[in-house]
C-alpha atoms as a PDB file:
ATOM      1  CA  MET A   1       9.401  13.565  -6.908  1.00  0.00           C
ATOM      2  CA  THR A   2       6.330  11.684  -5.851  1.00  0.00           C
ATOM      3  CA  PRO A   3       5.272   9.113  -8.541  1.00  0.00           C
ATOM      4  CA  VAL A   4       1.534   9.170  -9.496  1.00  0.00           C
ATOM      5  CA  TYR A   5      -0.078   6.107  -9.623  1.00  0.00           C
ATOM      6  CA  SER A   6      -3.152   5.070 -11.472  1.00  0.00           C
ATOM      7  CA  HIS A   7      -6.368   4.608  -9.470  1.00  0.00           C
ATOM      8  CA  ARG A   8      -6.983   0.849 -10.825  1.00  0.00           C
ATOM      9  CA  LEU A   9      -3.046  -0.120 -10.331  1.00  0.00           C
ATOM     10  CA  LYS A  10      -3.703   0.998  -6.252  1.00  0.00           C
ATOM     11  CA  GLU A  11      -6.571  -1.182  -6.360  1.00  0.00           C
ATOM     12  CA  GLN A  12      -5.074  -4.338  -7.624  1.00  0.00           C
ATOM     13  CA  MET A  13      -2.376  -3.255  -5.559  1.00  0.00           C
ATOM     14  CA  SER A  14      -4.481  -3.104  -2.311  1.00  0.00           C
ATOM     15  CA  LEU A  15      -4.563  -6.222  -0.885  1.00  0.00           C
ATOM     16  CA  GLU A  16      -7.378  -5.523   1.310  1.00  0.00           C
ATOM     17  CA  LYS A  17      -9.652  -4.538  -1.600  1.00  0.00           C
ATOM     18  CA  ASN A  18      -8.450  -8.776  -3.344  1.00  0.00           C
ATOM     19  CA  VAL A  19      -9.890 -10.991  -0.483  1.00  0.00           C
ATOM     20  CA  HIS A  20     -11.069 -14.058  -2.292  1.00  0.00           C
ATOM     21  CA  LYS A  21     -12.547 -17.357  -0.775  1.00  0.00           C
ATOM     22  CA  TRP A  22      -9.574 -19.362  -2.158  1.00  0.00           C
ATOM     23  CA  MET A  23      -7.271 -17.553   0.544  1.00  0.00           C
ATOM     24  CA  PRO A  24      -5.370 -19.437   2.985  1.00  0.00           C
ATOM     25  CA  PRO A  25      -5.709 -18.222   7.057  1.00  0.00           C
ATOM     26  CA  VAL A  26      -3.716 -14.991   7.260  1.00  0.00           C
ATOM     27  CA  PHE A  27      -1.546 -14.380  10.433  1.00  0.00           C
ATOM     28  CA  ILE A  28      -0.872 -10.102  11.076  1.00  0.00           C
ATOM     29  CA  PHE A  29       1.571  -8.878  12.798  1.00  0.00           C
ATOM     30  CA  CYS A  30       2.191  -5.299  13.312  1.00  0.00           C
ATOM     31  CA  CYS A  31       3.252  -2.606  15.236  1.00  0.00           C
ATOM     32  CA  LYS A  32       1.591   0.514  15.974  1.00  0.00           C
ATOM     33  CA  ASP A  33       4.323   2.779  16.205  1.00  0.00           C
ATOM     34  CA  ASP A  34       5.882   1.628  12.732  1.00  0.00           C
ATOM     35  CA  ASN A  35       7.207   4.616  10.650  1.00  0.00           C
ATOM     36  CA  VAL A  36       7.893   3.376   7.463  1.00  0.00           C
ATOM     37  CA  VAL A  37       4.748   1.022   6.623  1.00  0.00           C
ATOM     38  CA  ASN A  38       1.645   2.549   8.137  1.00  0.00           C
ATOM     39  CA  PRO A  39       0.227   0.309  10.972  1.00  0.00           C
ATOM     40  CA  GLU A  40      -3.599   0.881   9.166  1.00  0.00           C
ATOM     41  CA  ASN A  41      -2.548  -1.239   6.269  1.00  0.00           C
ATOM     42  CA  SER A  42      -2.806  -3.975   8.483  1.00  0.00           C
ATOM     43  CA  PHE A  43      -5.855  -2.995  10.211  1.00  0.00           C
ATOM     44  CA  ARG A  44      -7.654  -2.545   6.785  1.00  0.00           C
ATOM     45  CA  MET A  45      -6.504  -5.986   5.571  1.00  0.00           C
ATOM     46  CA  ARG A  46      -8.148  -7.713   8.916  1.00  0.00           C
ATOM     47  CA  ASP A  47     -11.246  -5.809   8.403  1.00  0.00           C
ATOM     48  CA  SER A  48     -11.610  -6.733   4.765  1.00  0.00           C
ATOM     49  CA  LEU A  49     -11.053 -10.390   6.302  1.00  0.00           C
ATOM     50  CA  LEU A  50     -13.399 -10.461   9.164  1.00  0.00           C
ATOM     51  CA  ALA A  51     -16.080  -8.776   6.314  1.00  0.00           C
ATOM     52  CA  HIS A  52     -15.485 -11.749   4.021  1.00  0.00           C
ATOM     53  CA  ASN A  53     -15.677 -14.203   6.850  1.00  0.00           C
ATOM     54  CA  MET A  54     -12.266 -15.047   6.059  1.00  0.00           C
ATOM     55  CA  PRO A  55      -9.708 -16.887   8.974  1.00  0.00           C
ATOM     56  CA  VAL A  56      -7.219 -14.763  10.224  1.00  0.00           C
ATOM     57  CA  THR A  57      -5.218 -13.578  13.201  1.00  0.00           C
ATOM     58  CA  SER A  58      -4.070 -10.633  14.452  1.00  0.00           C
ATOM     59  CA  LEU A  59      -1.269  -9.404  16.562  1.00  0.00           C
ATOM     60  CA  ILE A  60      -1.091  -5.657  17.618  1.00  0.00           C
ATOM     61  CA  MET A  61       1.587  -4.441  19.233  1.00  0.00           C
ATOM     62  CA  GLU A  62       1.763  -0.577  20.649  1.00  0.00           C
ATOM     63  CA  THR A  63       5.571  -0.260  19.912  1.00  0.00           C
ATOM     64  CA  GLY A  64       8.727  -2.188  17.814  1.00  0.00           C
ATOM     65  CA  GLY A  65       8.458   0.360  15.294  1.00  0.00           C
ATOM     66  CA  HIS A  66       9.535  -1.514  11.686  1.00  0.00           C
ATOM     67  CA  GLY A  67      12.075  -4.179   9.764  1.00  0.00           C
ATOM     68  CA  PHE A  68      12.941  -5.901  13.420  1.00  0.00           C
ATOM     69  CA  GLY A  69      12.765  -9.264  11.329  1.00  0.00           C
ATOM     70  CA  TYR A  70      13.761 -12.192  13.720  1.00  0.00           C
ATOM     71  CA  MET A  71      15.857 -11.238  16.636  1.00  0.00           C
ATOM     72  CA  PRO A  72      15.122 -13.983  19.443  1.00  0.00           C
ATOM     73  CA  GLU A  73      16.520 -11.861  22.049  1.00  0.00           C
ATOM     74  CA  LYS A  74      14.416  -8.577  21.372  1.00  0.00           C
ATOM     75  CA  GLN A  75      11.392  -7.267  21.826  1.00  0.00           C
ATOM     76  CA  PRO A  76       8.439  -7.691  19.943  1.00  0.00           C
ATOM     77  CA  SER A  77      10.586 -10.690  17.202  1.00  0.00           C
ATOM     78  CA  LEU A  78      10.339 -12.630  20.863  1.00  0.00           C
ATOM     79  CA  ILE A  79       6.349 -11.816  20.837  1.00  0.00           C
ATOM     80  CA  TRP A  80       5.502 -12.173  17.501  1.00  0.00           C
ATOM     81  CA  MET A  81       7.582 -15.520  16.454  1.00  0.00           C
ATOM     82  CA  LYS A  82       5.837 -17.032  19.766  1.00  0.00           C
ATOM     83  CA  ALA A  83       2.609 -16.716  18.771  1.00  0.00           C
ATOM     84  CA  PHE A  84       2.915 -16.958  14.890  1.00  0.00           C
ATOM     85  CA  LEU A  85       4.191 -20.579  15.532  1.00  0.00           C
ATOM     86  CA  GLU A  86       1.346 -21.370  17.847  1.00  0.00           C
ATOM     87  CA  TRP A  87      -1.195 -20.012  15.594  1.00  0.00           C
ATOM     88  CA  TYR A  88       0.667 -21.931  12.753  1.00  0.00           C
ATOM     89  CA  ASP A  89       0.720 -25.326  14.938  1.00  0.00           C
ATOM     90  CA  GLU A  90      -3.112 -25.082  15.651  1.00  0.00           C
ATOM     91  CA  LEU A  91      -3.616 -24.800  11.871  1.00  0.00           C
ATOM     92  CA  PHE A  92      -1.510 -26.961  10.261  1.00  0.00           C
ATOM     93  CA  ARG A  93       0.293 -29.367  12.498  1.00  0.00           C
ATOM     94  CA  LYS A  94      -3.488 -31.046  14.139  1.00  0.00           C
END
């Protein structure tokens, strides 16, 4: 049985609807072929941050699926971790 959630709860849990000026810069990474979490969620968040003039960097890959974490010997881990560390260094290690 699929759980039924209230409209209010869905609004509260939708990150893209809760963008605020005090949020830190955001790095978004996803794969278009993720079959666990719809990548559309990442696109909505990115677009909402941009609409609010918030700093956001996004890396979207065609393939990679879901749940790969950090496995340096495998794609897309190698790509996203390198991009994230470069982003982090640029922002926080100036």
